[in-house]
């Protein structure tokens, strides 16, 4: 699943007329945001990517904001919930995505097809595989364990195409639409996860300022 994969357009469910005040518009946008969080937006709460161990494996642990649903597909064969690691060829932590070519891609978006996590080359595109998402050939696949909202799997370093520490980006999607900016970091420790309340607090502060300004 590429970062440019088609995403669905989702409305707020309530039409805003041209006569609505700025406060009303902001309030409706805030309610839509809070409702999305309340109904279980698919994000990351915690996680880790290990160093290469003595058996030459790397262990990944992902704690999601809720139990993921890897079964339903939409008309474009995109899973209800999916994840993808972009494995870098260096330890330079990217702002969003590592520079290409990637060492490999870990494709959580293909779990539905074989109940395994597929690891692919960056390219050239494997046009003979309808599940490739436009990425390269399969390097291997690994089993996973899902316990409620915690997913764990290990992959051989050779399959990941890494020989030592590496940087990565982790993208989470719902039916192909990104649910958060990519999570980025280096192997050998926890996945950096931004504070989840930052946007909500900023929005609440903006609404408060607007509300009191309108009362003047």
N, C-alpha and C. Protein backbone atom coordinates (compact mmCIF):
# COMPACT_ATOMS: atom_id res chain seq x y z
N UNK A 1 0.85 -1.19 0.00
CA UNK A 1 0.00 0.00 0.00
C UNK A 1 0.88 1.24 0.00
N UNK A 2 0.85 1.99 -1.01
CA UNK A 2 1.71 3.15 -1.09
C UNK A 2 1.12 4.31 -0.33
N UNK A 3 1.99 5.31 -0.03
CA UNK A 3 1.54 6.48 0.72
C UNK A 3 0.57 7.30 -0.10
N UNK A 4 0.54 7.06 -1.41
CA UNK A 4 -0.36 7.83 -2.27
C UNK A 4 -1.59 7.04 -2.65
N UNK A 5 -1.88 5.95 -1.94
CA UNK A 5 -3.04 5.15 -2.27
C UNK A 5 -4.31 5.95 -2.12
N UNK A 6 -5.30 5.62 -2.95
CA UNK A 6 -6.55 6.38 -2.97
C UNK A 6 -7.25 6.29 -1.63
N UNK A 7 -7.75 7.40 -1.15
CA UNK A 7 -8.46 7.42 0.12
C UNK A 7 -9.90 7.82 -0.10
N UNK A 8 -10.75 7.41 0.84
CA UNK A 8 -12.15 7.71 0.74
C UNK A 8 -12.45 9.09 1.28
N UNK A 9 -13.41 9.74 0.66
CA UNK A 9 -13.86 11.03 1.17
C UNK A 9 -14.98 10.79 2.15
N UNK A 10 -14.85 11.34 3.36
CA UNK A 10 -15.83 11.12 4.39
C UNK A 10 -16.35 12.47 4.86
N UNK A 11 -17.66 12.64 4.85
CA UNK A 11 -18.24 13.89 5.32
C UNK A 11 -18.45 13.85 6.80
N UNK A 12 -18.78 15.04 7.35
CA UNK A 12 -19.02 15.14 8.77
C UNK A 12 -20.41 14.66 9.15
N UNK A 13 -21.31 14.49 8.16
CA UNK A 13 -22.66 14.01 8.45
C UNK A 13 -23.67 15.12 8.67
N UNK A 14 -23.20 16.33 8.90
CA UNK A 14 -24.09 17.47 9.08
C UNK A 14 -23.69 18.56 8.12
N UNK A 15 -24.65 19.05 7.38
CA UNK A 15 -24.35 20.08 6.39
C UNK A 15 -24.28 21.44 7.08
N UNK A 16 -23.23 22.22 6.75
CA UNK A 16 -23.06 23.55 7.32
C UNK A 16 -23.51 24.57 6.29
N UNK A 17 -24.44 25.39 6.63
CA UNK A 17 -24.96 26.39 5.70
C UNK A 17 -24.05 27.61 5.69
N UNK A 18 -24.23 28.45 4.68
CA UNK A 18 -23.43 29.66 4.57
C UNK A 18 -23.75 30.66 5.67
N UNK A 19 -24.90 30.47 6.36
CA UNK A 19 -25.31 31.40 7.40
C UNK A 19 -24.76 31.02 8.77
N UNK A 20 -24.04 29.91 8.87
CA UNK A 20 -23.51 29.49 10.16
C UNK A 20 -22.40 30.44 10.61
N UNK A 21 -22.36 30.72 11.90
CA UNK A 21 -21.33 31.59 12.45
C UNK A 21 -20.01 30.85 12.50
N UNK A 22 -18.89 31.58 12.56
CA UNK A 22 -17.60 30.89 12.69
C UNK A 22 -17.55 29.99 13.91
N UNK A 23 -18.16 30.41 15.00
CA UNK A 23 -18.16 29.58 16.21
C UNK A 23 -18.90 28.27 15.96
N UNK A 24 -20.06 28.36 15.26
CA UNK A 24 -20.84 27.15 14.98
C UNK A 24 -20.05 26.19 14.10
N UNK A 25 -19.37 26.74 13.09
CA UNK A 25 -18.57 25.90 12.19
C UNK A 25 -17.46 25.20 12.96
N UNK A 26 -16.74 25.97 13.80
CA UNK A 26 -15.67 25.37 14.59
C UNK A 26 -16.19 24.33 15.55
N UNK A 27 -17.36 24.61 16.14
CA UNK A 27 -17.93 23.66 17.09
C UNK A 27 -18.30 22.36 16.39
N UNK A 28 -18.88 22.44 15.19
CA UNK A 28 -19.24 21.24 14.45
C UNK A 28 -18.00 20.45 14.06
N UNK A 29 -16.95 21.16 13.64
CA UNK A 29 -15.70 20.48 13.30
C UNK A 29 -15.11 19.79 14.52
N UNK A 30 -15.19 20.46 15.67
CA UNK A 30 -14.67 19.86 16.90
C UNK A 30 -15.46 18.63 17.28
N UNK A 31 -16.79 18.70 17.17
CA UNK A 31 -17.61 17.54 17.50
C UNK A 31 -17.30 16.36 16.58
N UNK A 32 -17.08 16.66 15.30
CA UNK A 32 -16.74 15.59 14.36
C UNK A 32 -15.41 14.95 14.74
N UNK A 33 -14.44 15.78 15.13
CA UNK A 33 -13.14 15.24 15.54
C UNK A 33 -13.26 14.38 16.78
N UNK A 34 -13.99 14.89 17.80
CA UNK A 34 -14.14 14.14 19.03
C UNK A 34 -14.92 12.86 18.81
N UNK A 35 -15.90 12.88 17.91
CA UNK A 35 -16.67 11.66 17.62
C UNK A 35 -15.78 10.61 16.96
N UNK A 36 -14.88 11.05 16.07
CA UNK A 36 -13.98 10.10 15.41
C UNK A 36 -13.10 9.40 16.43
N UNK A 37 -12.62 10.18 17.42
CA UNK A 37 -11.80 9.58 18.47
C UNK A 37 -12.63 8.63 19.32
N UNK A 38 -13.86 9.06 19.67
CA UNK A 38 -14.71 8.25 20.55
C UNK A 38 -15.08 6.93 19.90
N UNK A 39 -15.25 6.92 18.57
CA UNK A 39 -15.66 5.69 17.90
C UNK A 39 -14.47 4.84 17.47
N UNK A 40 -13.27 5.20 17.90
CA UNK A 40 -12.15 4.28 17.74
C UNK A 40 -11.27 4.51 16.54
N UNK A 41 -10.74 5.72 16.35
CA UNK A 41 -9.78 5.94 15.29
C UNK A 41 -8.58 5.01 15.49
N UNK A 42 -8.12 4.44 14.40
CA UNK A 42 -7.06 3.44 14.44
C UNK A 42 -5.70 4.14 14.48
N UNK A 43 -5.13 4.23 15.67
CA UNK A 43 -3.84 4.88 15.86
C UNK A 43 -2.94 3.98 16.72
N UNK A 44 -1.74 4.46 16.97
CA UNK A 44 -0.77 3.70 17.75
C UNK A 44 -0.65 4.31 19.15
N UNK A 45 -0.75 3.46 20.17
CA UNK A 45 -0.57 3.91 21.55
C UNK A 45 0.86 3.70 22.03
N UNK A 46 1.47 2.60 21.61
CA UNK A 46 2.84 2.28 22.01
C UNK A 46 3.36 1.19 21.08
N UNK A 47 4.64 0.95 21.14
CA UNK A 47 5.21 -0.10 20.32
C UNK A 47 6.73 -0.10 20.43
N UNK A 48 7.34 -1.08 19.80
CA UNK A 48 8.79 -1.17 19.81
C UNK A 48 9.28 -1.94 18.60
N UNK A 49 10.52 -1.65 18.22
CA UNK A 49 11.22 -2.38 17.17
C UNK A 49 12.58 -2.76 17.75
N UNK A 50 12.84 -4.03 17.86
CA UNK A 50 14.05 -4.49 18.55
C UNK A 50 15.29 -4.36 17.67
N UNK A 51 16.44 -4.53 18.30
CA UNK A 51 17.67 -4.75 17.55
C UNK A 51 17.63 -6.15 16.94
N UNK A 52 18.58 -6.43 16.07
CA UNK A 52 18.73 -7.79 15.56
C UNK A 52 19.25 -8.67 16.69
N UNK A 53 18.53 -9.74 17.01
CA UNK A 53 18.92 -10.59 18.13
C UNK A 53 19.95 -11.64 17.69
N UNK A 54 20.30 -12.53 18.61
CA UNK A 54 21.33 -13.53 18.32
C UNK A 54 20.91 -14.51 17.23
N UNK A 55 19.58 -14.65 17.05
CA UNK A 55 19.08 -15.53 15.99
C UNK A 55 18.89 -14.79 14.67
N UNK A 56 19.35 -13.53 14.64
CA UNK A 56 19.25 -12.68 13.45
C UNK A 56 17.80 -12.35 13.10
N UNK A 57 16.98 -12.16 14.14
CA UNK A 57 15.59 -11.75 13.95
C UNK A 57 15.36 -10.37 14.55
N UNK A 58 14.37 -9.67 14.03
CA UNK A 58 13.92 -8.39 14.58
C UNK A 58 12.48 -8.57 15.03
N UNK A 59 12.18 -8.17 16.26
CA UNK A 59 10.83 -8.33 16.82
C UNK A 59 10.12 -6.98 16.84
N UNK A 60 8.88 -6.99 16.35
CA UNK A 60 8.04 -5.79 16.29
C UNK A 60 6.85 -5.99 17.22
N UNK A 61 6.56 -4.98 18.02
CA UNK A 61 5.38 -4.99 18.89
C UNK A 61 4.61 -3.71 18.66
N UNK A 62 3.32 -3.84 18.36
CA UNK A 62 2.46 -2.68 18.10
C UNK A 62 1.25 -2.74 19.01
N UNK A 63 1.06 -1.71 19.81
CA UNK A 63 -0.13 -1.59 20.65
C UNK A 63 -1.02 -0.51 20.05
N UNK A 64 -2.12 -0.95 19.46
CA UNK A 64 -3.03 -0.02 18.78
C UNK A 64 -4.02 0.60 19.77
N UNK A 65 -4.71 1.64 19.30
CA UNK A 65 -5.71 2.31 20.14
C UNK A 65 -6.95 1.46 20.36
N UNK A 66 -7.11 0.43 19.56
CA UNK A 66 -8.21 -0.53 19.70
C UNK A 66 -7.81 -1.80 18.97
N UNK A 67 -8.60 -2.84 19.14
CA UNK A 67 -8.31 -4.09 18.43
C UNK A 67 -8.49 -3.86 16.92
N UNK A 68 -7.48 -4.18 16.12
CA UNK A 68 -7.59 -3.98 14.67
C UNK A 68 -8.49 -5.01 14.02
N UNK A 69 -9.08 -4.63 12.89
CA UNK A 69 -9.91 -5.54 12.11
C UNK A 69 -9.26 -5.70 10.75
N UNK A 70 -8.61 -6.83 10.54
CA UNK A 70 -7.88 -7.08 9.30
C UNK A 70 -8.71 -7.84 8.26
N UNK A 71 -9.98 -8.11 8.55
CA UNK A 71 -10.77 -8.98 7.68
C UNK A 71 -11.54 -8.22 6.60
N UNK A 72 -12.37 -7.22 6.93
CA UNK A 72 -13.19 -6.58 5.89
C UNK A 72 -12.34 -5.89 4.83
N UNK A 73 -12.80 -5.98 3.59
CA UNK A 73 -12.17 -5.29 2.47
C UNK A 73 -13.18 -4.38 1.80
N UNK A 74 -12.68 -3.28 1.21
CA UNK A 74 -13.59 -2.45 0.43
C UNK A 74 -13.51 -2.86 -1.03
N UNK A 75 -14.11 -2.06 -1.91
CA UNK A 75 -14.16 -2.42 -3.33
C UNK A 75 -12.78 -2.44 -3.98
N UNK A 76 -11.80 -1.78 -3.34
CA UNK A 76 -10.44 -1.75 -3.87
C UNK A 76 -9.54 -2.75 -3.17
N UNK A 77 -10.14 -3.68 -2.40
CA UNK A 77 -9.43 -4.70 -1.64
C UNK A 77 -8.49 -4.10 -0.60
N UNK A 78 -8.91 -2.99 0.00
CA UNK A 78 -8.16 -2.40 1.10
C UNK A 78 -8.79 -2.82 2.41
N UNK A 79 -7.94 -3.24 3.35
CA UNK A 79 -8.44 -3.72 4.64
C UNK A 79 -9.06 -2.59 5.45
N UNK A 80 -10.00 -2.98 6.32
CA UNK A 80 -10.58 -1.99 7.23
C UNK A 80 -9.48 -1.33 8.05
N UNK A 81 -8.54 -2.11 8.55
CA UNK A 81 -7.38 -1.59 9.27
C UNK A 81 -6.13 -2.22 8.67
N UNK A 82 -5.08 -1.44 8.54
CA UNK A 82 -3.83 -1.97 7.99
C UNK A 82 -2.67 -1.14 8.49
N UNK A 83 -1.48 -1.71 8.35
CA UNK A 83 -0.25 -0.99 8.70
C UNK A 83 0.83 -1.34 7.70
N UNK A 84 1.80 -0.46 7.60
CA UNK A 84 2.93 -0.74 6.71
C UNK A 84 4.18 -0.07 7.26
N UNK A 85 5.24 -0.87 7.38
CA UNK A 85 6.55 -0.34 7.75
C UNK A 85 7.35 -0.08 6.47
N UNK A 86 7.96 1.08 6.39
CA UNK A 86 8.92 1.42 5.35
C UNK A 86 10.30 1.33 5.99
N UNK A 87 11.06 0.31 5.65
CA UNK A 87 12.36 0.07 6.27
C UNK A 87 13.45 0.80 5.49
N UNK A 88 14.21 1.63 6.19
CA UNK A 88 15.23 2.46 5.54
C UNK A 88 16.54 1.70 5.40
N UNK A 89 17.39 2.22 4.54
CA UNK A 89 18.72 1.63 4.33
C UNK A 89 19.76 2.30 5.22
N UNK A 90 19.33 3.22 6.09
CA UNK A 90 20.26 3.91 6.99
C UNK A 90 19.57 4.09 8.35
N UNK A 91 20.27 4.75 9.28
CA UNK A 91 19.69 5.03 10.60
C UNK A 91 19.22 6.47 10.71
N UNK A 92 19.15 7.18 9.59
CA UNK A 92 18.68 8.57 9.60
C UNK A 92 17.16 8.58 9.74
N UNK A 93 16.66 9.02 10.89
CA UNK A 93 15.21 9.02 11.14
C UNK A 93 14.55 10.02 10.19
N UNK A 94 13.59 9.56 9.37
CA UNK A 94 12.97 10.46 8.40
C UNK A 94 11.92 11.35 9.05
N UNK A 95 11.60 12.46 8.37
CA UNK A 95 10.51 13.32 8.83
C UNK A 95 9.17 12.61 8.60
N UNK A 96 9.01 12.04 7.40
CA UNK A 96 7.81 11.27 7.10
C UNK A 96 8.18 9.86 6.60
N UNK A 97 8.87 9.79 5.45
CA UNK A 97 9.25 8.50 4.88
C UNK A 97 10.74 8.51 4.57
N UNK A 98 11.40 7.36 4.67
CA UNK A 98 12.82 7.29 4.31
C UNK A 98 13.01 7.56 2.82
N UNK A 99 14.21 7.95 2.43
CA UNK A 99 14.48 8.08 0.99
C UNK A 99 14.45 6.72 0.32
N UNK A 100 13.99 6.70 -0.90
CA UNK A 100 13.97 5.46 -1.67
C UNK A 100 15.32 5.24 -2.35
N UNK A 101 15.66 3.99 -2.65
CA UNK A 101 14.83 2.79 -2.45
C UNK A 101 14.81 2.35 -0.99
N UNK A 102 13.68 1.79 -0.57
CA UNK A 102 13.58 1.23 0.77
C UNK A 102 14.30 -0.12 0.82
N UNK A 103 14.80 -0.45 1.99
CA UNK A 103 15.39 -1.78 2.14
C UNK A 103 14.33 -2.86 1.95
N UNK A 104 13.13 -2.58 2.47
CA UNK A 104 12.00 -3.50 2.33
C UNK A 104 10.75 -2.80 2.85
N UNK A 105 9.62 -3.45 2.65
CA UNK A 105 8.34 -2.97 3.17
C UNK A 105 7.64 -4.11 3.88
N UNK A 106 7.13 -3.84 5.08
CA UNK A 106 6.37 -4.83 5.83
C UNK A 106 4.90 -4.50 5.63
N UNK A 107 4.18 -5.42 4.99
CA UNK A 107 2.85 -5.13 4.46
C UNK A 107 1.75 -5.74 5.32
N UNK A 108 1.33 -5.02 6.36
CA UNK A 108 0.19 -5.49 7.14
C UNK A 108 -1.10 -5.46 6.37
N UNK A 109 -1.11 -4.75 5.25
CA UNK A 109 -2.31 -4.69 4.42
C UNK A 109 -2.59 -5.93 3.61
N UNK A 110 -1.72 -6.95 3.73
CA UNK A 110 -1.95 -8.21 3.02
C UNK A 110 -2.29 -9.35 3.97
N UNK A 111 -2.51 -9.04 5.23
CA UNK A 111 -2.86 -10.08 6.20
C UNK A 111 -4.12 -10.82 5.78
N UNK A 112 -5.07 -10.09 5.22
CA UNK A 112 -6.36 -10.69 4.87
C UNK A 112 -6.23 -11.85 3.88
N UNK A 113 -5.23 -11.80 3.02
CA UNK A 113 -5.16 -12.77 1.93
C UNK A 113 -4.56 -14.11 2.36
N UNK A 114 -3.53 -14.09 3.21
CA UNK A 114 -2.87 -15.34 3.60
C UNK A 114 -2.71 -15.49 5.10
N UNK A 115 -3.32 -14.60 5.87
CA UNK A 115 -3.20 -14.61 7.33
C UNK A 115 -1.74 -14.63 7.76
N UNK A 116 -0.93 -13.83 7.07
CA UNK A 116 0.48 -13.68 7.40
C UNK A 116 0.91 -12.27 7.01
N UNK A 117 2.03 -11.85 7.56
CA UNK A 117 2.57 -10.53 7.25
C UNK A 117 3.60 -10.68 6.15
N UNK A 118 3.35 -10.04 5.03
CA UNK A 118 4.20 -10.15 3.84
C UNK A 118 5.26 -9.04 3.86
N UNK A 119 6.47 -9.40 3.47
CA UNK A 119 7.58 -8.45 3.37
C UNK A 119 8.00 -8.41 1.90
N UNK A 120 8.04 -7.19 1.35
CA UNK A 120 8.30 -7.03 -0.08
C UNK A 120 9.52 -6.15 -0.35
N UNK A 121 10.03 -6.30 -1.56
CA UNK A 121 11.01 -5.37 -2.08
C UNK A 121 10.32 -4.06 -2.46
N UNK A 122 11.11 -2.99 -2.50
CA UNK A 122 10.57 -1.71 -2.95
C UNK A 122 10.12 -1.79 -4.40
N UNK A 123 10.90 -2.38 -5.25
CA UNK A 123 10.57 -2.47 -6.67
C UNK A 123 11.56 -3.40 -7.36
N UNK A 124 11.34 -3.57 -8.67
CA UNK A 124 10.29 -2.99 -9.51
C UNK A 124 8.92 -3.56 -9.17
N UNK A 125 7.84 -2.86 -9.56
CA UNK A 125 6.49 -3.32 -9.21
C UNK A 125 6.23 -4.75 -9.70
N UNK A 126 5.62 -5.54 -8.82
CA UNK A 126 5.26 -6.91 -9.18
C UNK A 126 3.86 -6.90 -9.78
N UNK A 127 3.79 -6.62 -11.07
CA UNK A 127 2.49 -6.48 -11.73
C UNK A 127 1.76 -7.80 -11.88
N UNK A 128 2.45 -8.92 -11.66
CA UNK A 128 1.80 -10.22 -11.75
C UNK A 128 1.09 -10.62 -10.47
N UNK A 129 1.30 -9.84 -9.41
CA UNK A 129 0.68 -10.13 -8.12
C UNK A 129 -0.40 -9.09 -7.84
N UNK A 130 -1.67 -9.48 -7.84
CA UNK A 130 -2.74 -8.49 -7.64
C UNK A 130 -2.77 -7.88 -6.24
N UNK A 131 -2.01 -8.46 -5.31
CA UNK A 131 -2.01 -7.95 -3.94
C UNK A 131 -0.77 -7.11 -3.62
N UNK A 132 0.06 -6.83 -4.62
CA UNK A 132 1.34 -6.17 -4.37
C UNK A 132 1.17 -4.70 -3.98
N UNK A 133 0.05 -4.09 -4.34
CA UNK A 133 -0.13 -2.68 -4.05
C UNK A 133 0.81 -1.79 -4.83
N UNK A 134 1.38 -2.32 -5.92
CA UNK A 134 2.33 -1.55 -6.72
C UNK A 134 3.76 -1.65 -6.24
N UNK A 135 4.00 -2.44 -5.16
CA UNK A 135 5.35 -2.61 -4.64
C UNK A 135 6.01 -3.81 -5.31
N UNK A 136 7.21 -4.16 -4.87
CA UNK A 136 8.00 -5.19 -5.53
C UNK A 136 7.64 -6.60 -5.12
N UNK A 137 8.52 -7.51 -5.47
CA UNK A 137 8.28 -8.94 -5.23
C UNK A 137 8.37 -9.26 -3.74
N UNK A 138 7.83 -10.42 -3.39
CA UNK A 138 7.81 -10.87 -1.99
C UNK A 138 9.18 -11.40 -1.58
N UNK A 139 9.70 -10.88 -0.47
CA UNK A 139 10.95 -11.38 0.09
C UNK A 139 10.69 -12.53 1.06
N UNK A 140 9.51 -12.53 1.66
CA UNK A 140 9.14 -13.57 2.61
C UNK A 140 7.88 -13.18 3.34
N UNK A 141 7.40 -14.06 4.18
CA UNK A 141 6.23 -13.77 5.01
C UNK A 141 6.44 -14.40 6.38
N UNK A 142 5.81 -13.79 7.39
CA UNK A 142 6.02 -14.26 8.77
C UNK A 142 4.66 -14.31 9.48
N UNK A 143 4.54 -15.21 10.46
CA UNK A 143 3.31 -15.27 11.25
C UNK A 143 3.27 -14.11 12.25
N UNK A 144 2.11 -13.92 12.84
CA UNK A 144 1.96 -12.87 13.84
C UNK A 144 1.06 -13.36 14.96
N UNK A 145 1.12 -12.66 16.08
CA UNK A 145 0.24 -12.92 17.21
C UNK A 145 -0.55 -11.65 17.51
N UNK A 146 -1.87 -11.78 17.60
CA UNK A 146 -2.72 -10.64 17.92
C UNK A 146 -3.49 -10.97 19.18
N UNK A 147 -3.23 -10.20 20.23
CA UNK A 147 -3.90 -10.36 21.52
C UNK A 147 -4.62 -9.06 21.83
N UNK A 148 -5.93 -9.04 21.56
CA UNK A 148 -6.73 -7.82 21.71
C UNK A 148 -6.15 -6.74 20.80
N UNK A 149 -5.57 -5.69 21.36
CA UNK A 149 -5.05 -4.59 20.53
C UNK A 149 -3.52 -4.62 20.39
N UNK A 150 -2.88 -5.74 20.78
CA UNK A 150 -1.42 -5.83 20.72
C UNK A 150 -1.01 -6.88 19.69
N UNK A 151 -0.25 -6.44 18.71
CA UNK A 151 0.23 -7.32 17.64
C UNK A 151 1.74 -7.47 17.77
N UNK A 152 2.20 -8.71 17.64
CA UNK A 152 3.63 -9.01 17.75
C UNK A 152 4.05 -9.94 16.62
N UNK A 153 5.21 -9.67 16.05
CA UNK A 153 5.77 -10.59 15.04
C UNK A 153 7.28 -10.39 14.99
N UNK A 154 7.96 -11.39 14.47
CA UNK A 154 9.41 -11.33 14.28
C UNK A 154 9.72 -11.65 12.83
N UNK A 155 10.74 -10.99 12.31
CA UNK A 155 11.14 -11.20 10.92
C UNK A 155 12.65 -11.34 10.85
N UNK A 156 13.16 -12.27 10.04
CA UNK A 156 14.61 -12.41 9.88
C UNK A 156 15.22 -11.15 9.27
N UNK A 157 16.39 -10.78 9.76
CA UNK A 157 17.06 -9.59 9.24
C UNK A 157 17.32 -9.71 7.74
N UNK A 158 17.63 -10.92 7.28
CA UNK A 158 17.89 -11.11 5.85
C UNK A 158 16.63 -10.83 5.03
N UNK A 159 15.48 -11.22 5.56
CA UNK A 159 14.23 -10.96 4.83
C UNK A 159 13.92 -9.46 4.82
N UNK A 160 14.26 -8.78 5.92
CA UNK A 160 14.07 -7.33 5.98
C UNK A 160 15.12 -6.59 5.15
N UNK A 161 16.18 -7.30 4.76
CA UNK A 161 17.26 -6.71 3.97
C UNK A 161 18.05 -5.69 4.79
N UNK A 162 18.29 -6.02 6.06
CA UNK A 162 19.09 -5.15 6.93
C UNK A 162 20.20 -5.98 7.56
N UNK A 163 21.31 -5.32 7.84
CA UNK A 163 22.45 -5.99 8.47
C UNK A 163 22.78 -5.42 9.85
N UNK A 164 22.13 -4.33 10.21
CA UNK A 164 22.38 -3.68 11.48
C UNK A 164 21.22 -2.77 11.82
N UNK A 165 21.42 -1.78 12.70
CA UNK A 165 20.34 -0.85 13.05
C UNK A 165 19.79 -0.15 11.81
N UNK A 166 18.52 0.20 11.87
CA UNK A 166 17.88 0.83 10.71
C UNK A 166 16.79 1.80 11.19
N UNK A 167 16.51 2.79 10.36
CA UNK A 167 15.39 3.69 10.60
C UNK A 167 14.16 3.15 9.88
N UNK A 168 13.00 3.69 10.24
CA UNK A 168 11.74 3.21 9.64
C UNK A 168 10.66 4.28 9.76
N UNK A 169 9.63 4.11 8.96
CA UNK A 169 8.36 4.82 9.11
C UNK A 169 7.26 3.79 9.22
N UNK A 170 6.26 4.08 10.05
CA UNK A 170 5.11 3.18 10.21
C UNK A 170 3.86 3.97 9.88
N UNK A 171 3.12 3.48 8.90
CA UNK A 171 1.87 4.13 8.47
C UNK A 171 0.69 3.25 8.85
N UNK A 172 -0.33 3.83 9.48
CA UNK A 172 -1.57 3.13 9.78
C UNK A 172 -2.68 3.70 8.90
N UNK A 173 -3.54 2.80 8.40
CA UNK A 173 -4.61 3.22 7.51
C UNK A 173 -5.92 2.53 7.87
N UNK A 174 -7.01 3.16 7.48
CA UNK A 174 -8.34 2.55 7.54
C UNK A 174 -8.95 2.67 6.15
N UNK A 175 -9.17 1.52 5.51
CA UNK A 175 -9.64 1.47 4.13
C UNK A 175 -8.80 2.37 3.23
N UNK A 176 -7.50 2.33 3.41
CA UNK A 176 -6.58 3.04 2.54
C UNK A 176 -6.28 4.47 2.94
N UNK A 177 -7.03 5.03 3.87
CA UNK A 177 -6.82 6.41 4.29
C UNK A 177 -5.95 6.45 5.54
N UNK A 178 -4.90 7.26 5.50
CA UNK A 178 -4.02 7.38 6.66
C UNK A 178 -4.79 7.93 7.85
N UNK A 179 -4.57 7.34 9.01
CA UNK A 179 -5.26 7.79 10.23
C UNK A 179 -4.38 8.68 11.09
N UNK A 180 -3.11 8.84 10.71
CA UNK A 180 -2.17 9.63 11.51
C UNK A 180 -0.94 9.87 10.64
N UNK A 181 -0.18 10.91 10.95
CA UNK A 181 1.11 11.05 10.30
C UNK A 181 1.97 9.81 10.59
N UNK A 182 2.89 9.47 9.70
CA UNK A 182 3.72 8.28 9.95
C UNK A 182 4.48 8.40 11.27
N UNK A 183 4.60 7.27 11.95
CA UNK A 183 5.42 7.18 13.16
C UNK A 183 6.83 6.80 12.70
N UNK A 184 7.83 7.54 13.14
CA UNK A 184 9.19 7.30 12.65
C UNK A 184 10.15 7.07 13.82
N UNK A 185 11.18 6.29 13.56
CA UNK A 185 12.15 6.02 14.61
C UNK A 185 13.28 5.15 14.11
N UNK A 186 14.12 4.72 15.05
CA UNK A 186 15.23 3.81 14.78
C UNK A 186 14.97 2.49 15.50
N UNK A 187 15.48 1.42 14.94
CA UNK A 187 15.37 0.11 15.59
C UNK A 187 16.15 0.12 16.90
N UNK A 188 15.79 -0.81 17.78
CA UNK A 188 16.49 -0.92 19.04
C UNK A 188 15.83 -0.24 20.21
N UNK A 189 14.53 0.06 20.08
CA UNK A 189 13.85 0.73 21.19
C UNK A 189 12.39 0.98 20.89
N UNK A 190 11.73 1.79 21.74
CA UNK A 190 10.30 2.06 21.55
C UNK A 190 10.04 2.92 20.31
N UNK A 191 8.86 2.77 19.76
CA UNK A 191 8.43 3.62 18.65
C UNK A 191 7.95 4.96 19.22
N UNK A 192 8.53 6.07 18.81
CA UNK A 192 8.08 7.37 19.33
C UNK A 192 6.62 7.63 18.93
N UNK A 193 5.79 7.90 19.93
CA UNK A 193 4.37 8.17 19.70
C UNK A 193 4.05 9.55 20.27
N UNK A 194 3.58 10.50 19.43
CA UNK A 194 3.25 11.83 19.93
C UNK A 194 2.11 11.78 20.94
N UNK A 195 2.05 12.80 21.79
CA UNK A 195 0.96 12.90 22.74
C UNK A 195 -0.36 12.97 21.99
N UNK A 196 -1.34 12.11 22.30
CA UNK A 196 -2.58 12.07 21.53
C UNK A 196 -3.47 13.27 21.73
N UNK A 197 -3.29 14.00 22.83
CA UNK A 197 -4.24 15.07 23.13
C UNK A 197 -3.80 16.42 22.58
N UNK A 198 -2.65 16.50 21.90
CA UNK A 198 -2.13 17.79 21.47
C UNK A 198 -3.12 18.54 20.60
N UNK A 199 -3.65 17.87 19.57
CA UNK A 199 -4.58 18.53 18.65
C UNK A 199 -5.86 18.91 19.36
N UNK A 200 -6.39 18.02 20.20
CA UNK A 200 -7.65 18.30 20.89
C UNK A 200 -7.50 19.51 21.81
N UNK A 201 -6.38 19.61 22.54
CA UNK A 201 -6.18 20.73 23.44
C UNK A 201 -6.04 22.03 22.66
N UNK A 202 -5.32 22.00 21.55
CA UNK A 202 -5.17 23.20 20.74
C UNK A 202 -6.51 23.65 20.18
N UNK A 203 -7.32 22.68 19.72
CA UNK A 203 -8.62 23.02 19.17
C UNK A 203 -9.53 23.58 20.25
N UNK A 204 -9.51 22.99 21.44
CA UNK A 204 -10.33 23.50 22.54
C UNK A 204 -9.93 24.92 22.90
N UNK A 205 -8.61 25.19 22.92
CA UNK A 205 -8.15 26.54 23.24
C UNK A 205 -8.61 27.54 22.19
N UNK A 206 -8.52 27.14 20.91
CA UNK A 206 -8.97 28.04 19.84
C UNK A 206 -10.45 28.32 19.95
N UNK A 207 -11.25 27.29 20.26
CA UNK A 207 -12.70 27.48 20.39
C UNK A 207 -13.02 28.39 21.56
N UNK A 208 -12.26 28.23 22.65
CA UNK A 208 -12.49 29.08 23.82
C UNK A 208 -12.22 30.54 23.49
N UNK A 209 -11.11 30.81 22.78
CA UNK A 209 -10.80 32.19 22.41
C UNK A 209 -11.87 32.76 21.51
N UNK A 210 -12.31 31.94 20.53
CA UNK A 210 -13.35 32.41 19.60
C UNK A 210 -14.66 32.66 20.33
N UNK A 211 -15.02 31.79 21.28
CA UNK A 211 -16.26 31.93 22.00
C UNK A 211 -16.30 33.23 22.80
N UNK A 212 -15.23 33.49 23.55
CA UNK A 212 -15.21 34.69 24.37
C UNK A 212 -15.09 35.96 23.52
N UNK A 213 -14.45 35.86 22.35
CA UNK A 213 -14.39 37.01 21.47
C UNK A 213 -15.78 37.35 20.93
N UNK A 214 -16.58 36.28 20.65
CA UNK A 214 -17.93 36.52 20.13
C UNK A 214 -18.85 37.10 21.19
N UNK A 215 -18.53 36.89 22.47
CA UNK A 215 -19.37 37.43 23.55
C UNK A 215 -19.13 38.91 23.76
N UNK A 216 -18.04 39.43 23.26
CA UNK A 216 -17.71 40.84 23.51
C UNK A 216 -18.61 41.74 22.67
